[in-house]
């Protein structure tokens, strides 16, 4: 129809109409809503910084570690409760033990970051992977194994953890199991060079 109210009430009428439609439609929309992914933060800029760090970590171009650490630290500046960013720092430092002249500071930093990540997100596979790599880098395959198995149970997308777990099994003299673990990782993600 026809609009029979004074023009000054137009916005009021629009609000009433919108409210009426919303009241009728909202219950149906809520019942069919797709659940949102848990990104670990509500701060979009922090999430972008985290993803940049993760990209450096995954691709590992020349000079990747300082760039990844800077991105993760920026994410933490933006959201100090962003556990995944602490997990990223832990993993970068744990991997960095392979190239470090002075290992003690990296071990301390990796351990502290992994523990903080688990305080914030107890079920964070990335933090367990970091603790596993940390143990592996210190020739403690038996200590690495439970962390890496837990990481894979919590986050099957961490396909590189299969390679780390294979390394932990090899350190324990379990070559056949290590081979199966590598095959499992390649089966899950055939394009990942592990």
Protein backbone atom coordinates (compact mmCIF):
# COMPACT_ATOMS: atom_id res chain seq x y z
CA UNK A 1 0.00 0.00 0.00
CA UNK A 2 -0.17 3.55 0.62
CA UNK A 3 1.81 5.65 3.11
CA UNK A 4 -0.69 7.62 5.23
CA UNK A 5 1.57 9.07 7.96
CA UNK A 6 3.32 12.43 7.94
CA UNK A 7 6.71 12.45 6.16
CA UNK A 8 8.47 13.25 9.47
CA UNK A 9 7.56 9.78 10.73
CA UNK A 10 9.14 7.99 7.76
CA UNK A 11 12.28 6.84 9.61
CA UNK A 12 10.19 5.68 12.56
CA UNK A 13 8.02 3.64 10.23
CA UNK A 14 11.07 2.13 8.52
CA UNK A 15 12.48 1.07 11.91
CA UNK A 16 9.14 -0.50 12.88
CA UNK A 17 8.94 -2.39 9.58
CA UNK A 18 12.52 -3.63 9.81
CA UNK A 19 11.97 -4.72 13.39
CA UNK A 20 8.80 -6.59 12.46
CA UNK A 21 10.50 -8.42 9.59
CA UNK A 22 13.54 -9.25 11.73
CA UNK A 23 11.33 -10.63 14.51
CA UNK A 24 9.74 -13.02 12.02
CA UNK A 25 12.87 -14.04 10.12
CA UNK A 26 15.56 -14.17 12.86
CA UNK A 27 14.43 -17.45 14.49
CA UNK A 28 14.53 -19.22 11.12
CA UNK A 29 17.95 -17.77 10.27
CA UNK A 30 19.40 -18.76 13.63
CA UNK A 31 18.25 -22.34 13.13
CA UNK A 32 20.07 -22.59 9.78
CA UNK A 33 23.11 -20.45 10.53
CA UNK A 34 26.48 -21.88 9.56
CA UNK A 35 28.83 -21.99 12.57
CA UNK A 36 31.74 -19.55 12.34
CA UNK A 37 35.26 -20.89 12.32
CA UNK A 38 37.22 -20.31 15.50
CA UNK A 39 40.12 -18.12 14.44
CA UNK A 40 41.59 -17.86 17.92
CA UNK A 41 41.05 -14.09 18.02
CA UNK A 42 38.37 -11.54 17.25
CA UNK A 43 40.99 -9.01 16.15
CA UNK A 44 41.20 -9.26 12.37
CA UNK A 45 44.52 -7.40 12.15
CA UNK A 46 46.04 -9.79 14.72
CA UNK A 47 44.76 -12.72 12.67
CA UNK A 48 46.30 -11.26 9.50
CA UNK A 49 49.67 -10.91 11.25
CA UNK A 50 49.40 -14.48 12.51
CA UNK A 51 48.66 -15.74 9.00
CA UNK A 52 51.64 -13.81 7.62
CA UNK A 53 53.88 -15.48 10.22
CA UNK A 54 52.40 -18.84 9.33
CA UNK A 55 53.06 -18.21 5.65
CA UNK A 56 56.74 -17.50 6.36
CA UNK A 57 56.90 -20.61 8.56
CA UNK A 58 55.29 -22.84 5.92
CA UNK A 59 57.27 -21.55 2.91
CA UNK A 60 60.55 -20.82 4.71
CA UNK A 61 62.08 -18.43 2.18
CA UNK A 62 65.52 -16.93 2.87
CA UNK A 63 65.40 -14.97 6.14
CA UNK A 64 62.04 -16.50 7.07
CA UNK A 65 62.53 -16.90 10.85
CA UNK A 66 62.92 -13.20 11.83
CA UNK A 67 60.04 -12.29 9.53
CA UNK A 68 57.79 -14.98 10.99
CA UNK A 69 58.72 -13.98 14.56
CA UNK A 70 57.99 -10.30 13.81
CA UNK A 71 54.57 -11.19 12.40
CA UNK A 72 53.70 -13.39 15.38
CA UNK A 73 54.89 -10.73 17.84
CA UNK A 74 52.77 -8.13 16.05
CA UNK A 75 49.76 -10.43 16.40
CA UNK A 76 50.42 -10.68 20.14
CA UNK A 77 50.75 -6.89 20.44
CA UNK A 78 47.31 -6.60 18.86
CA UNK A 79 45.80 -9.43 20.94
CA UNK A 80 47.87 -10.56 23.94
CA UNK A 81 45.51 -13.54 24.46
CA UNK A 82 46.06 -14.96 20.95
CA UNK A 83 47.43 -18.42 21.82
CA UNK A 84 48.17 -19.45 18.25
CA UNK A 85 50.62 -16.58 17.82
CA UNK A 86 52.53 -17.81 20.90
CA UNK A 87 52.45 -21.30 19.37
CA UNK A 88 53.96 -19.90 16.18
CA UNK A 89 56.78 -18.24 18.11
CA UNK A 90 57.44 -21.51 19.94
CA UNK A 91 57.63 -23.49 16.72
CA UNK A 92 59.88 -20.99 14.91
CA UNK A 93 62.28 -20.99 17.86
CA UNK A 94 62.20 -24.80 18.14
CA UNK A 95 62.99 -25.19 14.43
CA UNK A 96 65.65 -22.49 14.75
CA UNK A 97 67.65 -24.71 17.10
CA UNK A 98 68.99 -26.44 13.97
CA UNK A 99 70.77 -23.26 12.92
CA UNK A 100 71.57 -21.60 16.25
CA UNK A 101 75.02 -20.95 17.64
CA UNK A 102 73.57 -20.33 21.08
CA UNK A 103 70.76 -22.79 21.77
CA UNK A 104 69.89 -21.96 25.40
CA UNK A 105 67.98 -18.71 24.66
CA UNK A 106 65.95 -20.36 21.89
CA UNK A 107 65.10 -23.31 24.11
CA UNK A 108 63.93 -20.94 26.85
CA UNK A 109 61.92 -18.78 24.42
CA UNK A 110 60.35 -21.77 22.69
CA UNK A 111 59.40 -23.41 25.97
CA UNK A 112 57.92 -20.21 27.44
CA UNK A 113 55.94 -19.44 24.28
CA UNK A 114 54.59 -23.00 24.02
CA UNK A 115 53.51 -22.97 27.68
CA UNK A 116 51.81 -19.60 27.26
CA UNK A 117 50.03 -20.87 24.15
CA UNK A 118 48.74 -23.89 26.08
CA UNK A 119 47.60 -21.67 28.97
CA UNK A 120 45.49 -19.71 26.49
CA UNK A 121 44.42 -22.64 24.28
CA UNK A 122 44.93 -26.01 26.04
CA UNK A 123 43.95 -27.96 22.92
CA UNK A 124 46.34 -26.15 20.55
CA UNK A 125 48.08 -28.73 18.37
CA UNK A 126 50.64 -26.18 17.20
CA UNK A 127 51.98 -25.73 20.75
CA UNK A 128 52.27 -29.49 21.25
CA UNK A 129 54.10 -29.72 17.92
CA UNK A 130 56.52 -27.03 19.09
CA UNK A 131 57.22 -28.93 22.32
CA UNK A 132 57.76 -32.08 20.27
CA UNK A 133 60.19 -30.36 17.90
CA UNK A 134 61.95 -28.83 20.88
CA UNK A 135 62.50 -32.30 22.40
CA UNK A 136 63.47 -33.73 19.00
CA UNK A 137 66.08 -30.99 18.51
CA UNK A 138 67.59 -32.00 21.85
CA UNK A 139 67.83 -35.66 20.75
CA UNK A 140 64.95 -36.71 22.99
CA UNK A 141 62.84 -38.76 20.59
CA UNK A 142 61.01 -40.47 23.46
CA UNK A 143 60.07 -37.07 24.90
CA UNK A 144 59.07 -35.71 21.49
CA UNK A 145 56.79 -38.58 20.55
CA UNK A 146 53.83 -37.93 22.91
CA UNK A 147 53.79 -34.21 22.05
CA UNK A 148 53.81 -34.91 18.32
CA UNK A 149 51.12 -37.58 18.59
CA UNK A 150 49.00 -35.15 20.61
CA UNK A 151 49.59 -32.40 18.02
CA UNK A 152 48.37 -34.66 15.23
CA UNK A 153 45.36 -35.81 17.25
CA UNK A 154 44.36 -32.21 17.94
CA UNK A 155 45.15 -30.84 14.48
CA UNK A 156 45.40 -33.38 11.64
CA UNK A 157 46.23 -30.50 9.29
CA UNK A 158 49.75 -30.29 10.81
CA UNK A 159 51.07 -32.70 8.19
CA UNK A 160 54.71 -31.73 8.81
CA UNK A 161 54.27 -33.15 12.31
CA UNK A 162 54.27 -36.60 10.65
CA UNK A 163 57.86 -35.97 9.52
CA UNK A 164 58.85 -34.75 12.97
CA UNK A 165 57.22 -37.79 14.53
CA UNK A 166 59.13 -39.99 12.06
CA UNK A 167 62.33 -38.32 13.27
CA UNK A 168 61.40 -39.02 16.88
CA UNK A 169 60.72 -42.66 16.03
CA UNK A 170 64.05 -42.94 14.20
CA UNK A 171 65.86 -41.55 17.25
CA UNK A 172 64.35 -44.47 19.16
CA UNK A 173 65.44 -47.03 16.53
CA UNK A 174 61.90 -47.60 15.20
CA UNK A 175 62.56 -47.29 11.46
CA UNK A 176 59.48 -49.18 10.22
CA UNK A 177 57.13 -47.02 12.29
CA UNK A 178 58.97 -43.92 11.06
CA UNK A 179 58.42 -44.98 7.45
CA UNK A 180 54.70 -45.54 8.08
CA UNK A 181 54.46 -42.10 9.68
CA UNK A 182 56.06 -40.44 6.65
CA UNK A 183 53.70 -42.33 4.36
CA UNK A 184 50.72 -41.20 6.46
CA UNK A 185 51.82 -37.58 6.12
CA UNK A 186 52.29 -37.86 2.37
CA UNK A 187 48.94 -39.60 2.01
CA UNK A 188 47.23 -36.77 3.90
CA UNK A 189 48.98 -34.05 1.88
CA UNK A 190 50.76 -35.41 -1.23
CA UNK A 191 52.07 -31.95 -2.23
CA UNK A 192 53.74 -31.31 1.11
CA UNK A 193 57.45 -32.14 0.86
CA UNK A 194 57.39 -32.86 4.62
